[in-house]
Amino acid sequence: MRIEKVNSSIKRELANIILLGEVRDPRISFVTILNVDVSKDLQHARVKFSVLADTPEKINAAKAGFESCRGYIRKLISQRVPLRYTPEFQFIYDKGIKHAADVDKVLEEIKQLKTAQESQQQ
């Protein structure tokens, strides 16, 4: 129960930090925090994020941006989330949204082909 509260608190604060522009790195300006998973001992946190433009250049730039300001983000989180230890962050790009968009695109193409075949048969 406590881990879930810590996860949601850190996720909310990370999103606010990015949204309010407290980290002035332009590489992470169009990033969405999807999930935070803190370890049971509260020493490590895996932060899954998504990028608005899913190009490899934007993804690598966002990863580099997070790596360069990881310490500053940890400092801001330590000031806002009352924990004895502030976890070390590991930022991971989540491919789930892009994968879902690709599946939707394929399903839409199948639907269009099916309607085209039905109209030809009539």
PDB file of N, CA and C in Angstrom:
ATOM      1  N   MET A   1       0.826  -1.196   0.000  1.00  0.00           N
ATOM      2  CA  MET A   1       0.000   0.000   0.000  1.00  0.00           C
ATOM      3  C   MET A   1       0.868   1.257   0.000  1.00  0.00           C
ATOM      4  N   ARG A   2       1.897   1.269   0.837  1.00  0.00           N
ATOM      5  CA  ARG A   2       2.747   2.444   0.917  1.00  0.00           C
ATOM      6  C   ARG A   2       3.525   2.653  -0.376  1.00  0.00           C
ATOM      7  N   ILE A   3       3.998   1.587  -0.979  1.00  0.00           N
ATOM      8  CA  ILE A   3       4.749   1.693  -2.227  1.00  0.00           C
ATOM      9  C   ILE A   3       3.887   2.343  -3.304  1.00  0.00           C
ATOM     10  N   GLU A   4       2.606   1.978  -3.369  1.00  0.00           N
ATOM     11  CA  GLU A   4       1.707   2.563  -4.359  1.00  0.00           C
ATOM     12  C   GLU A   4       1.552   4.066  -4.141  1.00  0.00           C
ATOM     13  N   LYS A   5       1.463   4.485  -2.895  1.00  0.00           N
ATOM     14  CA  LYS A   5       1.358   5.921  -2.597  1.00  0.00           C
ATOM     15  C   LYS A   5       2.639   6.651  -2.981  1.00  0.00           C
ATOM     16  N   VAL A   6       3.775   6.038  -2.716  1.00  0.00           N
ATOM     17  CA  VAL A   6       5.054   6.646  -3.088  1.00  0.00           C
ATOM     18  C   VAL A   6       5.159   6.732  -4.603  1.00  0.00           C
ATOM     19  N   ASN A   7       4.771   5.657  -5.295  1.00  0.00           N
ATOM     20  CA  ASN A   7       4.790   5.664  -6.764  1.00  0.00           C
ATOM     21  C   ASN A   7       3.956   6.809  -7.326  1.00  0.00           C
ATOM     22  N   SER A   8       2.735   6.941  -6.830  1.00  0.00           N
ATOM     23  CA  SER A   8       1.852   7.986  -7.366  1.00  0.00           C
ATOM     24  C   SER A   8       2.338   9.377  -6.981  1.00  0.00           C
ATOM     25  N   SER A   9       2.892   9.540  -5.791  1.00  0.00           N
ATOM     26  CA  SER A   9       3.406  10.854  -5.384  1.00  0.00           C
ATOM     27  C   SER A   9       4.593  11.271  -6.239  1.00  0.00           C
ATOM     28  N   ILE A  10       5.504  10.356  -6.472  1.00  0.00           N
ATOM     29  CA  ILE A  10       6.679  10.677  -7.296  1.00  0.00           C
ATOM     30  C   ILE A  10       6.249  10.938  -8.736  1.00  0.00           C
ATOM     31  N   LYS A  11       5.322  10.145  -9.260  1.00  0.00           N
ATOM     32  CA  LYS A  11       4.841  10.355 -10.624  1.00  0.00           C
ATOM     33  C   LYS A  11       4.212  11.736 -10.762  1.00  0.00           C
ATOM     34  N   ARG A  12       3.365  12.109  -9.809  1.00  0.00           N
ATOM     35  CA  ARG A  12       2.704  13.410  -9.848  1.00  0.00           C
ATOM     36  C   ARG A  12       3.719  14.543  -9.800  1.00  0.00           C
ATOM     37  N   GLU A  13       4.704  14.443  -8.913  1.00  0.00           N
ATOM     38  CA  GLU A  13       5.696  15.505  -8.780  1.00  0.00           C
ATOM     39  C   GLU A  13       6.607  15.584 -10.004  1.00  0.00           C
ATOM     40  N   LEU A  14       6.991  14.435 -10.560  1.00  0.00           N
ATOM     41  CA  LEU A  14       7.794  14.444 -11.795  1.00  0.00           C
ATOM     42  C   LEU A  14       7.037  15.107 -12.935  1.00  0.00           C
ATOM     43  N   ALA A  15       5.764  14.774 -13.057  1.00  0.00           N
ATOM     44  CA  ALA A  15       4.949  15.379 -14.109  1.00  0.00           C
ATOM     45  C   ALA A  15       4.850  16.887 -13.909  1.00  0.00           C
ATOM     46  N   ASN A  16       4.676  17.323 -12.670  1.00  0.00           N
ATOM     47  CA  ASN A  16       4.608  18.761 -12.387  1.00  0.00           C
ATOM     48  C   ASN A  16       5.925  19.459 -12.695  1.00  0.00           C
ATOM     49  N   ILE A  17       7.028  18.822 -12.365  1.00  0.00           N
ATOM     50  CA  ILE A  17       8.349  19.402 -12.636  1.00  0.00           C
ATOM     51  C   ILE A  17       8.531  19.622 -14.132  1.00  0.00           C
ATOM     52  N   ILE A  18       8.129  18.635 -14.927  1.00  0.00           N
ATOM     53  CA  ILE A  18       8.275  18.751 -16.380  1.00  0.00           C
ATOM     54  C   ILE A  18       7.268  19.751 -16.938  1.00  0.00           C
ATOM     55  N   LEU A  19       6.023  19.667 -16.477  1.00  0.00           N
ATOM     56  CA  LEU A  19       4.965  20.544 -16.987  1.00  0.00           C
ATOM     57  C   LEU A  19       5.246  22.015 -16.695  1.00  0.00           C
ATOM     58  N   LEU A  20       5.711  22.300 -15.494  1.00  0.00           N
ATOM     59  CA  LEU A  20       5.961  23.687 -15.103  1.00  0.00           C
ATOM     60  C   LEU A  20       7.296  24.214 -15.613  1.00  0.00           C
ATOM     61  N   GLY A  21       8.065  23.362 -16.253  1.00  0.00           N
ATOM     62  CA  GLY A  21       9.331  23.804 -16.834  1.00  0.00           C
ATOM     63  C   GLY A  21      10.412  24.085 -15.816  1.00  0.00           C
ATOM     64  N   GLU A  22      10.372  23.408 -14.688  1.00  0.00           N
ATOM     65  CA  GLU A  22      11.391  23.625 -13.663  1.00  0.00           C
ATOM     66  C   GLU A  22      12.743  23.075 -14.089  1.00  0.00           C
ATOM     67  N   VAL A  23      12.722  22.087 -14.947  1.00  0.00           N
ATOM     68  CA  VAL A  23      13.936  21.589 -15.569  1.00  0.00           C
ATOM     69  C   VAL A  23      13.973  22.218 -16.949  1.00  0.00           C
ATOM     70  N   ARG A  24      14.934  23.041 -17.195  1.00  0.00           N
ATOM     71  CA  ARG A  24      14.955  23.829 -18.430  1.00  0.00           C
ATOM     72  C   ARG A  24      15.704  23.141 -19.565  1.00  0.00           C
ATOM     73  N   ASP A  25      15.613  21.858 -19.627  1.00  0.00           N
ATOM     74  CA  ASP A  25      16.239  21.107 -20.712  1.00  0.00           C
ATOM     75  C   ASP A  25      15.198  20.913 -21.809  1.00  0.00           C
ATOM     76  N   PRO A  26      15.398  21.472 -22.981  1.00  0.00           N
ATOM     77  CA  PRO A  26      14.380  21.359 -24.040  1.00  0.00           C
ATOM     78  C   PRO A  26      14.178  19.933 -24.543  1.00  0.00           C
ATOM     79  N   ARG A  27      15.110  19.048 -24.250  1.00  0.00           N
ATOM     80  CA  ARG A  27      14.978  17.669 -24.725  1.00  0.00           C
ATOM     81  C   ARG A  27      13.860  16.919 -24.019  1.00  0.00           C
ATOM     82  N   ILE A  28      13.482  17.365 -22.820  1.00  0.00           N
ATOM     83  CA  ILE A  28      12.420  16.664 -22.087  1.00  0.00           C
ATOM     84  C   ILE A  28      11.153  17.499 -21.973  1.00  0.00           C
ATOM     85  N   SER A  29      10.994  18.481 -22.840  1.00  0.00           N
ATOM     86  CA  SER A  29       9.816  19.335 -22.739  1.00  0.00           C
ATOM     87  C   SER A  29       8.539  18.639 -23.231  1.00  0.00           C
ATOM     88  N   PHE A  30       8.637  17.708 -24.164  1.00  0.00           N
ATOM     89  CA  PHE A  30       7.453  17.014 -24.686  1.00  0.00           C
ATOM     90  C   PHE A  30       7.430  15.555 -24.249  1.00  0.00           C
ATOM     91  N   VAL A  31       7.689  15.339 -22.971  1.00  0.00           N
ATOM     92  CA  VAL A  31       7.746  14.001 -22.397  1.00  0.00           C
ATOM     93  C   VAL A  31       6.557  13.813 -21.464  1.00  0.00           C
ATOM     94  N   THR A  32       5.995  12.624 -21.478  1.00  0.00           N
ATOM     95  CA  THR A  32       4.907  12.269 -20.573  1.00  0.00           C
ATOM     96  C   THR A  32       5.388  11.155 -19.648  1.00  0.00           C
ATOM     97  N   ILE A  33       5.203  11.344 -18.353  1.00  0.00           N
ATOM     98  CA  ILE A  33       5.550  10.311 -17.376  1.00  0.00           C
ATOM     99  C   ILE A  33       4.376   9.342 -17.307  1.00  0.00           C
ATOM    100  N   LEU A  34       4.630   8.079 -17.638  1.00  0.00           N
ATOM    101  CA  LEU A  34       3.577   7.073 -17.680  1.00  0.00           C
ATOM    102  C   LEU A  34       3.457   6.288 -16.386  1.00  0.00           C
ATOM    103  N   ASN A  35       4.594   5.949 -15.802  1.00  0.00           N
ATOM    104  CA  ASN A  35       4.567   5.065 -14.644  1.00  0.00           C
ATOM    105  C   ASN A  35       5.843   5.246 -13.836  1.00  0.00           C
ATOM    106  N   VAL A  36       5.728   5.110 -12.534  1.00  0.00           N
ATOM    107  CA  VAL A  36       6.886   5.091 -11.646  1.00  0.00           C
ATOM    108  C   VAL A  36       6.781   3.828 -10.811  1.00  0.00           C
ATOM    109  N   ASP A  37       7.864   3.079 -10.761  1.00  0.00           N
ATOM    110  CA  ASP A  37       7.893   1.838  -9.992  1.00  0.00           C
ATOM    111  C   ASP A  37       9.079   1.894  -9.045  1.00  0.00           C
ATOM    112  N   VAL A  38       8.780   2.129  -7.760  1.00  0.00           N
ATOM    113  CA  VAL A  38       9.813   2.235  -6.740  1.00  0.00           C
ATOM    114  C   VAL A  38      10.058   0.849  -6.146  1.00  0.00           C
ATOM    115  N   SER A  39      11.327   0.532  -5.903  1.00  0.00           N
ATOM    116  CA  SER A  39      11.662  -0.760  -5.307  1.00  0.00           C
ATOM    117  C   SER A  39      11.156  -0.818  -3.867  1.00  0.00           C
ATOM    118  N   LYS A  40      11.077  -2.009  -3.325  1.00  0.00           N
ATOM    119  CA  LYS A  40      10.541  -2.185  -1.971  1.00  0.00           C
ATOM    120  C   LYS A  40      11.368  -1.478  -0.906  1.00  0.00           C
ATOM    121  N   ASP A  41      12.683  -1.377  -1.126  1.00  0.00           N
ATOM    122  CA  ASP A  41      13.531  -0.696  -0.155  1.00  0.00           C
ATOM    123  C   ASP A  41      13.627   0.815  -0.402  1.00  0.00           C
ATOM    124  N   LEU A  42      12.887   1.310  -1.389  1.00  0.00           N
ATOM    125  CA  LEU A  42      12.815   2.737  -1.731  1.00  0.00           C
ATOM    126  C   LEU A  42      14.158   3.324  -2.166  1.00  0.00           C
ATOM    127  N   GLN A  43      15.061   2.494  -2.632  1.00  0.00           N
ATOM    128  CA  GLN A  43      16.368   2.969  -3.057  1.00  0.00           C
ATOM    129  C   GLN A  43      16.440   3.276  -4.546  1.00  0.00           C
ATOM    130  N   HIS A  44      15.595   2.621  -5.343  1.00  0.00           N
ATOM    131  CA  HIS A  44      15.627   2.770  -6.796  1.00  0.00           C
ATOM    132  C   HIS A  44      14.212   2.973  -7.317  1.00  0.00           C
ATOM    133  N   ALA A  45      14.110   3.766  -8.372  1.00  0.00           N
ATOM    134  CA  ALA A  45      12.810   3.992  -9.011  1.00  0.00           C
ATOM    135  C   ALA A  45      12.983   3.919 -10.519  1.00  0.00           C
ATOM    136  N   ARG A  46      12.129   3.139 -11.158  1.00  0.00           N
ATOM    137  CA  ARG A  46      12.121   3.048 -12.614  1.00  0.00           C
ATOM    138  C   ARG A  46      11.002   3.943 -13.116  1.00  0.00           C
ATOM    139  N   VAL A  47      11.361   4.922 -13.915  1.00  0.00           N
ATOM    140  CA  VAL A  47      10.406   5.886 -14.444  1.00  0.00           C
ATOM    141  C   VAL A  47      10.214   5.591 -15.925  1.00  0.00           C
ATOM    142  N   LYS A  48       8.987   5.230 -16.296  1.00  0.00           N
ATOM    143  CA  LYS A  48       8.683   4.967 -17.696  1.00  0.00           C
ATOM    144  C   LYS A  48       8.058   6.218 -18.292  1.00  0.00           C
ATOM    145  N   PHE A  49       8.575   6.598 -19.462  1.00  0.00           N
ATOM    146  CA  PHE A  49       8.099   7.811 -20.106  1.00  0.00           C
ATOM    147  C   PHE A  49       7.812   7.564 -21.571  1.00  0.00           C
ATOM    148  N   SER A  50       7.068   8.498 -22.149  1.00  0.00           N
ATOM    149  CA  SER A  50       6.747   8.475 -23.567  1.00  0.00           C
ATOM    150  C   SER A  50       7.089   9.847 -24.140  1.00  0.00           C
ATOM    151  N   VAL A  51       7.380   9.875 -25.434  1.00  0.00           N
ATOM    152  CA  VAL A  51       7.742  11.117 -26.115  1.00  0.00           C
ATOM    153  C   VAL A  51       6.664  11.415 -27.144  1.00  0.00           C
ATOM    154  N   LEU A  52       6.339  12.693 -27.305  1.00  0.00           N
ATOM    155  CA  LEU A  52       5.297  13.088 -28.245  1.00  0.00           C
ATOM    156  C   LEU A  52       5.620  12.628 -29.664  1.00  0.00           C
ATOM    157  N   ALA A  53       6.817  12.892 -30.137  1.00  0.00           N
ATOM    158  CA  ALA A  53       7.257  12.425 -31.458  1.00  0.00           C
ATOM    159  C   ALA A  53       8.104  11.182 -31.248  1.00  0.00           C
ATOM    160  N   ASP A  54       7.598  10.041 -31.688  1.00  0.00           N
ATOM    161  CA  ASP A  54       8.278   8.770 -31.419  1.00  0.00           C
ATOM    162  C   ASP A  54       9.358   8.457 -32.442  1.00  0.00           C
ATOM    163  N   THR A  55      10.223   9.402 -32.728  1.00  0.00           N
ATOM    164  CA  THR A  55      11.352   9.138 -33.609  1.00  0.00           C
ATOM    165  C   THR A  55      12.544   8.730 -32.752  1.00  0.00           C
ATOM    166  N   PRO A  56      13.425   7.913 -33.266  1.00  0.00           N
ATOM    167  CA  PRO A  56      14.587   7.494 -32.471  1.00  0.00           C
ATOM    168  C   PRO A  56      15.433   8.676 -31.980  1.00  0.00           C
ATOM    169  N   GLU A  57      15.515   9.738 -32.781  1.00  0.00           N
ATOM    170  CA  GLU A  57      16.300  10.903 -32.362  1.00  0.00           C
ATOM    171  C   GLU A  57      15.685  11.566 -31.143  1.00  0.00           C
ATOM    172  N   LYS A  58      14.349  11.731 -31.138  1.00  0.00           N
ATOM    173  CA  LYS A  58      13.662  12.365 -30.010  1.00  0.00           C
ATOM    174  C   LYS A  58      13.741  11.496 -28.757  1.00  0.00           C
ATOM    175  N   ILE A  59      13.629  10.184 -28.950  1.00  0.00           N
ATOM    176  CA  ILE A  59      13.697   9.269 -27.805  1.00  0.00           C
ATOM    177  C   ILE A  59      15.085   9.319 -27.179  1.00  0.00           C
ATOM    178  N   ASN A  60      16.128   9.235 -28.000  1.00  0.00           N
ATOM    179  CA  ASN A  60      17.497   9.295 -27.474  1.00  0.00           C
ATOM    180  C   ASN A  60      17.796  10.644 -26.851  1.00  0.00           C
ATOM    181  N   ALA A  61      17.257  11.716 -27.433  1.00  0.00           N
ATOM    182  CA  ALA A  61      17.463  13.041 -26.860  1.00  0.00           C
ATOM    183  C   ALA A  61      16.788  13.144 -25.495  1.00  0.00           C
ATOM    184  N   ALA A  62      15.582  12.585 -25.368  1.00  0.00           N
ATOM    185  CA  ALA A  62      14.886  12.619 -24.080  1.00  0.00           C
ATOM    186  C   ALA A  62      15.647  11.817 -23.028  1.00  0.00           C
ATOM    187  N   LYS A  63      16.161  10.648 -23.417  1.00  0.00           N
ATOM    188  CA  LYS A  63      16.959   9.850 -22.481  1.00  0.00           C
ATOM    189  C   LYS A  63      18.189  10.622 -22.035  1.00  0.00           C
ATOM    190  N   ALA A  64      18.864  11.263 -22.980  1.00  0.00           N
ATOM    191  CA  ALA A  64      20.055  12.046 -22.637  1.00  0.00           C
ATOM    192  C   ALA A  64      19.689  13.234 -21.744  1.00  0.00           C
ATOM    193  N   GLY A  65      18.545  13.848 -22.009  1.00  0.00           N
ATOM    194  CA  GLY A  65      18.094  14.954 -21.173  1.00  0.00           C
ATOM    195  C   GLY A  65      17.828  14.521 -19.747  1.00  0.00           C
ATOM    196  N   PHE A  66      17.179  13.378 -19.597  1.00  0.00           N
ATOM    197  CA  PHE A  66      16.924  12.855 -18.251  1.00  0.00           C
ATOM    198  C   PHE A  66      18.227  12.499 -17.543  1.00  0.00           C
ATOM    199  N   GLU A  67      19.153  11.900 -18.267  1.00  0.00           N
ATOM    200  CA  GLU A  67      20.430  11.531 -17.656  1.00  0.00           C
ATOM    201  C   GLU A  67      21.205  12.761 -17.194  1.00  0.00           C
ATOM    202  N   SER A  68      21.127  13.843 -17.965  1.00  0.00           N
ATOM    203  CA  SER A  68      21.898  15.033 -17.606  1.00  0.00           C
ATOM    204  C   SER A  68      21.311  15.770 -16.402  1.00  0.00           C
ATOM    205  N   CYS A  69      20.005  15.657 -16.185  1.00  0.00           N
ATOM    206  CA  CYS A  69      19.412  16.383 -15.054  1.00  0.00           C
ATOM    207  C   CYS A  69      18.870  15.440 -13.982  1.00  0.00           C
ATOM    208  N   ARG A  70      19.353  14.218 -13.972  1.00  0.00           N
ATOM    209  CA  ARG A  70      18.886  13.227 -12.999  1.00  0.00           C
ATOM    210  C   ARG A  70      19.101  13.690 -11.558  1.00  0.00           C
ATOM    211  N   GLY A  71      20.248  14.254 -11.257  1.00  0.00           N
ATOM    212  CA  GLY A  71      20.546  14.717  -9.899  1.00  0.00           C
ATOM    213  C   GLY A  71      19.653  15.867  -9.472  1.00  0.00           C
ATOM    214  N   TYR A  72      19.406  16.797 -10.383  1.00  0.00           N
ATOM    215  CA  TYR A  72      18.544  17.934 -10.072  1.00  0.00           C
ATOM    216  C   TYR A  72      17.108  17.478  -9.836  1.00  0.00           C
ATOM    217  N   ILE A  73      16.637  16.527 -10.659  1.00  0.00           N
ATOM    218  CA  ILE A  73      15.293  15.986 -10.468  1.00  0.00           C
ATOM    219  C   ILE A  73      15.196  15.291  -9.118  1.00  0.00           C
ATOM    220  N   ARG A  74      16.223  14.548  -8.757  1.00  0.00           N
ATOM    221  CA  ARG A  74      16.226  13.863  -7.458  1.00  0.00           C
ATOM    222  C   ARG A  74      16.169  14.876  -6.322  1.00  0.00           C
ATOM    223  N   LYS A  75      16.898  15.977  -6.465  1.00  0.00           N
ATOM    224  CA  LYS A  75      16.878  17.027  -5.441  1.00  0.00           C
ATOM    225  C   LYS A  75      15.477  17.620  -5.307  1.00  0.00           C
ATOM    226  N   LEU A  76      14.838  17.927  -6.436  1.00  0.00           N
ATOM    227  CA  LEU A  76      13.491  18.502  -6.390  1.00  0.00           C
ATOM    228  C   LEU A  76      12.492  17.526  -5.768  1.00  0.00           C
ATOM    229  N   ILE A  77      12.604  16.253  -6.121  1.00  0.00           N
ATOM    230  CA  ILE A  77      11.703  15.245  -5.548  1.00  0.00           C
ATOM    231  C   ILE A  77      11.933  15.120  -4.041  1.00  0.00           C
ATOM    232  N   SER A  78      13.181  15.186  -3.605  1.00  0.00           N
ATOM    233  CA  SER A  78      13.469  15.069  -2.172  1.00  0.00           C
ATOM    234  C   SER A  78      12.868  16.228  -1.385  1.00  0.00           C
ATOM    235  N   GLN A  79      12.729  17.384  -2.014  1.00  0.00           N
ATOM    236  CA  GLN A  79      12.128  18.540  -1.348  1.00  0.00           C
ATOM    237  C   GLN A  79      10.603  18.443  -1.287  1.00  0.00           C
ATOM    238  N   ARG A  80      10.004  17.683  -2.191  1.00  0.00           N
ATOM    239  CA  ARG A  80       8.539  17.653  -2.304  1.00  0.00           C
ATOM    240  C   ARG A  80       7.878  16.400  -1.762  1.00  0.00           C
ATOM    241  N   VAL A  81       8.572  15.289  -1.797  1.00  0.00           N
ATOM    242  CA  VAL A  81       8.004  14.025  -1.323  1.00  0.00           C
ATOM    243  C   VAL A  81       8.713  13.646  -0.034  1.00  0.00           C
ATOM    244  N   PRO A  82       7.983  13.596   1.065  1.00  0.00           N
ATOM    245  CA  PRO A  82       8.622  13.312   2.358  1.00  0.00           C
ATOM    246  C   PRO A  82       9.012  11.841   2.514  1.00  0.00           C
ATOM    247  N   LEU A  83      10.258  11.541   2.191  1.00  0.00           N
ATOM    248  CA  LEU A  83      10.793  10.192   2.330  1.00  0.00           C
ATOM    249  C   LEU A  83      12.123  10.271   3.064  1.00  0.00           C
ATOM    250  N   ARG A  84      12.463   9.225   3.757  1.00  0.00           N
ATOM    251  CA  ARG A  84      13.766   9.190   4.417  1.00  0.00           C
ATOM    252  C   ARG A  84      14.881   9.168   3.385  1.00  0.00           C
ATOM    253  N   TYR A  85      14.700   8.338   2.364  1.00  0.00           N
ATOM    254  CA  TYR A  85      15.665   8.241   1.274  1.00  0.00           C
ATOM    255  C   TYR A  85      14.955   8.562  -0.040  1.00  0.00           C
ATOM    256  N   THR A  86      15.572   9.395  -0.824  1.00  0.00           N
ATOM    257  CA  THR A  86      15.043   9.663  -2.151  1.00  0.00           C
ATOM    258  C   THR A  86      15.676   8.661  -3.108  1.00  0.00           C
ATOM    259  N   PRO A  87      14.854   7.964  -3.886  1.00  0.00           N
ATOM    260  CA  PRO A  87      15.414   6.909  -4.743  1.00  0.00           C
ATOM    261  C   PRO A  87      16.255   7.450  -5.889  1.00  0.00           C
ATOM    262  N   GLU A  88      17.149   6.603  -6.363  1.00  0.00           N
ATOM    263  CA  GLU A  88      17.896   6.877  -7.590  1.00  0.00           C
ATOM    264  C   GLU A  88      16.962   6.554  -8.749  1.00  0.00           C
ATOM    265  N   PHE A  89      16.923   7.437  -9.738  1.00  0.00           N
ATOM    266  CA  PHE A  89      15.994   7.267 -10.841  1.00  0.00           C
ATOM    267  C   PHE A  89      16.663   6.625 -12.046  1.00  0.00           C
ATOM    268  N   GLN A  90      15.910   5.730 -12.668  1.00  0.00           N
ATOM    269  CA  GLN A  90      16.304   5.128 -13.935  1.00  0.00           C
ATOM    270  C   GLN A  90      15.168   5.436 -14.910  1.00  0.00           C
ATOM    271  N   PHE A  91      15.474   6.143 -15.983  1.00  0.00           N
ATOM    272  CA  PHE A  91      14.470   6.566 -16.945  1.00  0.00           C
ATOM    273  C   PHE A  91      14.449   5.605 -18.122  1.00  0.00           C
ATOM    274  N   ILE A  92      13.249   5.073 -18.413  1.00  0.00           N
ATOM    275  CA  ILE A  92      13.080   4.036 -19.430  1.00  0.00           C
ATOM    276  C   ILE A  92      11.985   4.468 -20.401  1.00  0.00           C
ATOM    277  N   TYR A  93      12.283   4.416 -21.681  1.00  0.00           N
ATOM    278  CA  TYR A  93      11.272   4.728 -22.691  1.00  0.00           C
ATOM    279  C   TYR A  93      10.298   3.563 -22.792  1.00  0.00           C
ATOM    280  N   ASP A  94       8.994   3.864 -22.743  1.00  0.00           N
ATOM    281  CA  ASP A  94       7.955   2.844 -22.825  1.00  0.00           C
ATOM    282  C   ASP A  94       7.400   2.799 -24.252  1.00  0.00           C
ATOM    283  N   LYS A  95       7.544   1.661 -24.889  1.00  0.00           N
ATOM    284  CA  LYS A  95       7.113   1.493 -26.277  1.00  0.00           C
ATOM    285  C   LYS A  95       5.632   1.158 -26.393  1.00  0.00           C
ATOM    286  N   GLY A  96       4.944   1.022 -25.303  1.00  0.00           N
ATOM    287  CA  GLY A  96       3.552   0.566 -25.302  1.00  0.00           C
ATOM    288  C   GLY A  96       2.611   1.446 -26.089  1.00  0.00           C
ATOM    289  N   ILE A  97       2.723   2.752 -25.962  1.00  0.00           N
ATOM    290  CA  ILE A  97       1.813   3.657 -26.658  1.00  0.00           C
ATOM    291  C   ILE A  97       2.050   3.601 -28.167  1.00  0.00           C
ATOM    292  N   LYS A  98       3.323   3.590 -28.564  1.00  0.00           N
ATOM    293  CA  LYS A  98       3.631   3.510 -29.996  1.00  0.00           C
ATOM    294  C   LYS A  98       3.140   2.186 -30.565  1.00  0.00           C
ATOM    295  N   HIS A  99       3.324   1.116 -29.807  1.00  0.00           N
ATOM    296  CA  HIS A  99       2.863  -0.199 -30.258  1.00  0.00           C
ATOM    297  C   HIS A  99       1.340  -0.210 -30.416  1.00  0.00           C
ATOM    298  N   ALA A 100       0.622   0.379 -29.479  1.00  0.00           N
ATOM    299  CA  ALA A 100      -0.835   0.427 -29.559  1.00  0.00           C
ATOM    300  C   ALA A 100      -1.285   1.245 -30.774  1.00  0.00           C
ATOM    301  N   ALA A 101      -0.599   2.339 -31.051  1.00  0.00           N
ATOM    302  CA  ALA A 101      -0.935   3.153 -32.218  1.00  0.00           C
ATOM    303  C   ALA A 101      -0.697   2.371 -33.514  1.00  0.00           C
ATOM    304  N   ASP A 102       0.386   1.602 -33.554  1.00  0.00           N
ATOM    305  CA  ASP A 102       0.673   0.780 -34.735  1.00  0.00           C
ATOM    306  C   ASP A 102      -0.397  -0.291 -34.944  1.00  0.00           C
ATOM    307  N   VAL A 103      -0.851  -0.912 -33.862  1.00  0.00           N
ATOM    308  CA  VAL A 103      -1.897  -1.931 -33.951  1.00  0.00           C
ATOM    309  C   VAL A 103      -3.197  -1.297 -34.443  1.00  0.00           C
ATOM    310  N   ASP A 104      -3.536  -0.117 -33.917  1.00  0.00           N
ATOM    311  CA  ASP A 104      -4.746   0.577 -34.372  1.00  0.00           C
ATOM    312  C   ASP A 104      -4.673   0.896 -35.860  1.00  0.00           C
ATOM    313  N   LYS A 105      -3.508   1.287 -36.324  1.00  0.00           N
ATOM    314  CA  LYS A 105      -3.330   1.618 -37.734  1.00  0.00           C
ATOM    315  C   LYS A 105      -3.550   0.381 -38.606  1.00  0.00           C
ATOM    316  N   VAL A 106      -2.994  -0.751 -38.199  1.00  0.00           N
ATOM    317  CA  VAL A 106      -3.161  -1.998 -38.957  1.00  0.00           C
ATOM    318  C   VAL A 106      -4.624  -2.429 -38.952  1.00  0.00           C
ATOM    319  N   LEU A 107      -5.293  -2.318 -37.814  1.00  0.00           N
ATOM    320  CA  LEU A 107      -6.708  -2.695 -37.748  1.00  0.00           C
ATOM    321  C   LEU A 107      -7.560  -1.793 -38.642  1.00  0.00           C
ATOM    322  N   GLU A 108      -7.242  -0.522 -38.683  1.00  0.00           N
ATOM    323  CA  GLU A 108      -7.966   0.408 -39.553  1.00  0.00           C
ATOM    324  C   GLU A 108      -7.762   0.051 -41.028  1.00  0.00           C
ATOM    325  N   GLU A 109      -6.543  -0.330 -41.385  1.00  0.00           N
ATOM    326  CA  GLU A 109      -6.273  -0.747 -42.765  1.00  0.00           C
ATOM    327  C   GLU A 109      -7.053  -2.007 -43.125  1.00  0.00           C
ATOM    328  N   ILE A 110      -7.132  -2.943 -42.203  1.00  0.00           N
ATOM    329  CA  ILE A 110      -7.895  -4.176 -42.439  1.00  0.00           C
ATOM    330  C   ILE A 110      -9.372  -3.851 -42.625  1.00  0.00           C
ATOM    331  N   LYS A 111      -9.877  -2.947 -41.803  1.00  0.00           N
ATOM    332  CA  LYS A 111     -11.278  -2.546 -41.906  1.00  0.00           C
ATOM    333  C   LYS A 111     -11.562  -1.902 -43.258  1.00  0.00           C
ATOM    334  N   GLN A 112     -10.668  -1.050 -43.730  1.00  0.00           N
ATOM    335  CA  GLN A 112     -10.847  -0.402 -45.031  1.00  0.00           C
ATOM    336  C   GLN A 112     -10.805  -1.423 -46.162  1.00  0.00           C
ATOM    337  N   LEU A 113      -9.897  -2.394 -46.069  1.00  0.00           N
ATOM    338  CA  LEU A 113      -9.830  -3.448 -47.092  1.00  0.00           C
ATOM    339  C   LEU A 113     -11.110  -4.272 -47.116  1.00  0.00           C
ATOM    340  N   LYS A 114     -11.636  -4.575 -45.949  1.00  0.00           N
ATOM    341  CA  LYS A 114     -12.849  -5.379 -45.856  1.00  0.00           C
ATOM    342  C   LYS A 114     -14.036  -4.638 -46.464  1.00  0.00           C
ATOM    343  N   THR A 115     -14.163  -3.346 -46.169  1.00  0.00           N
ATOM    344  CA  THR A 115     -15.272  -2.586 -46.752  1.00  0.00           C
ATOM    345  C   THR A 115     -15.100  -2.440 -48.261  1.00  0.00           C
ATOM    346  N   ALA A 116     -13.855  -2.321 -48.740  1.00  0.00           N
ATOM    347  CA  ALA A 116     -13.603  -2.231 -50.180  1.00  0.00           C
ATOM    348  C   ALA A 116     -13.991  -3.541 -50.870  1.00  0.00           C
ATOM    349  N   GLN A 117     -13.681  -4.688 -50.242  1.00  0.00           N
ATOM    350  CA  GLN A 117     -14.014  -5.984 -50.822  1.00  0.00           C
ATOM    351  C   GLN A 117     -15.529  -6.188 -50.841  1.00  0.00           C
ATOM    352  N   GLU A 118     -16.215  -5.757 -49.776  1.00  0.00           N
ATOM    353  CA  GLU A 118     -17.659  -5.904 -49.709  1.00  0.00           C
ATOM    354  C   GLU A 118     -18.334  -5.047 -50.782  1.00  0.00           C
ATOM    355  N   SER A 119     -17.807  -3.850 -51.023  1.00  0.00           N
ATOM    356  CA  SER A 119     -18.416  -2.981 -52.030  1.00  0.00           C
ATOM    357  C   SER A 119     -18.161  -3.535 -53.444  1.00  0.00           C
ATOM    358  N   GLN A 120     -17.045  -4.215 -53.663  1.00  0.00           N
ATOM    359  CA  GLN A 120     -16.767  -4.818 -54.964  1.00  0.00           C
ATOM    360  C   GLN A 120     -17.658  -6.011 -55.216  1.00  0.00           C
ATOM    361  N   GLN A 121     -18.011  -6.767 -54.198  1.00  0.00           N
ATOM    362  CA  GLN A 121     -18.855  -7.945 -54.351  1.00  0.00           C
ATOM    363  C   GLN A 121     -20.299  -7.562 -54.672  1.00  0.00           C
ATOM    364  N   GLN A 122     -20.708  -6.382 -54.308  1.00  0.00           N
ATOM    365  CA  GLN A 122     -22.098  -5.968 -54.550  1.00  0.00           C
ATOM    366  C   GLN A 122     -22.267  -5.363 -55.858  1.00  0.00           C
TER     367      GLN A 122
END
